[in-house]
Amino acid sequence: MELQRIHHVAIIASDYETSKAFYTQVLGLRILAEHYRAERRSHKLDLALPDGGQLELFSFPEPPPRPSRPEAAGLRHLAFVVPDVAAAVKDLTAQGIRTEEIRVDEYTGKRFVFFADPDDLPLELYEA
C-alpha cells in the first residue's frame, strides 16, 4: 500500500448554516458541491482545500457533543498551513473569532495558534 495524501476530512456540524458560513466566509474555502439527503435529514457540503484535498461538512439531526476537549480519543485537531500566523490571527480577530496565544513549536521553531469552529472543534494554524 502507498498512501499519497489525505483526500478529505469530514466534520459533523450541529448548526449547518453557521458552520457553512464559518468554513466558507471566515476560512475562505471554496464550495465544490452541496447536497441535501432528505432520507437522512442531512446536508453534505464538499469544500476545496488549497492543496487539492477536501473538507466534508455534514449535518445530522441531534448529533452528540464532543466528549471533552482537547484530549478526547479520536481526532485531536485539524491544522492548516498559513504563511504568517500573526497576520492570520489578525484576520480571525477582525471577524470576531477568538484565538489562543501564538505559540512556538519546540521542535521546529515554527509559530502556531489554536482556535475553534462553531462546534468548538479545535483548529490550528501552523506557519509554513
Foldseek 3Di string as FASTA:
>chain_A
DDDDDAQEAEDEDADQVQLVCCCCPLVNWAWPDWDQDVVQRKIWTWTADPVRHIYIYMYGPPDDADPDPQPDPDDRAAEDEDADAVVSCVSCVVVVWDKDDWDAPPVPRWIKIWTAGPSRGIYMYTHD
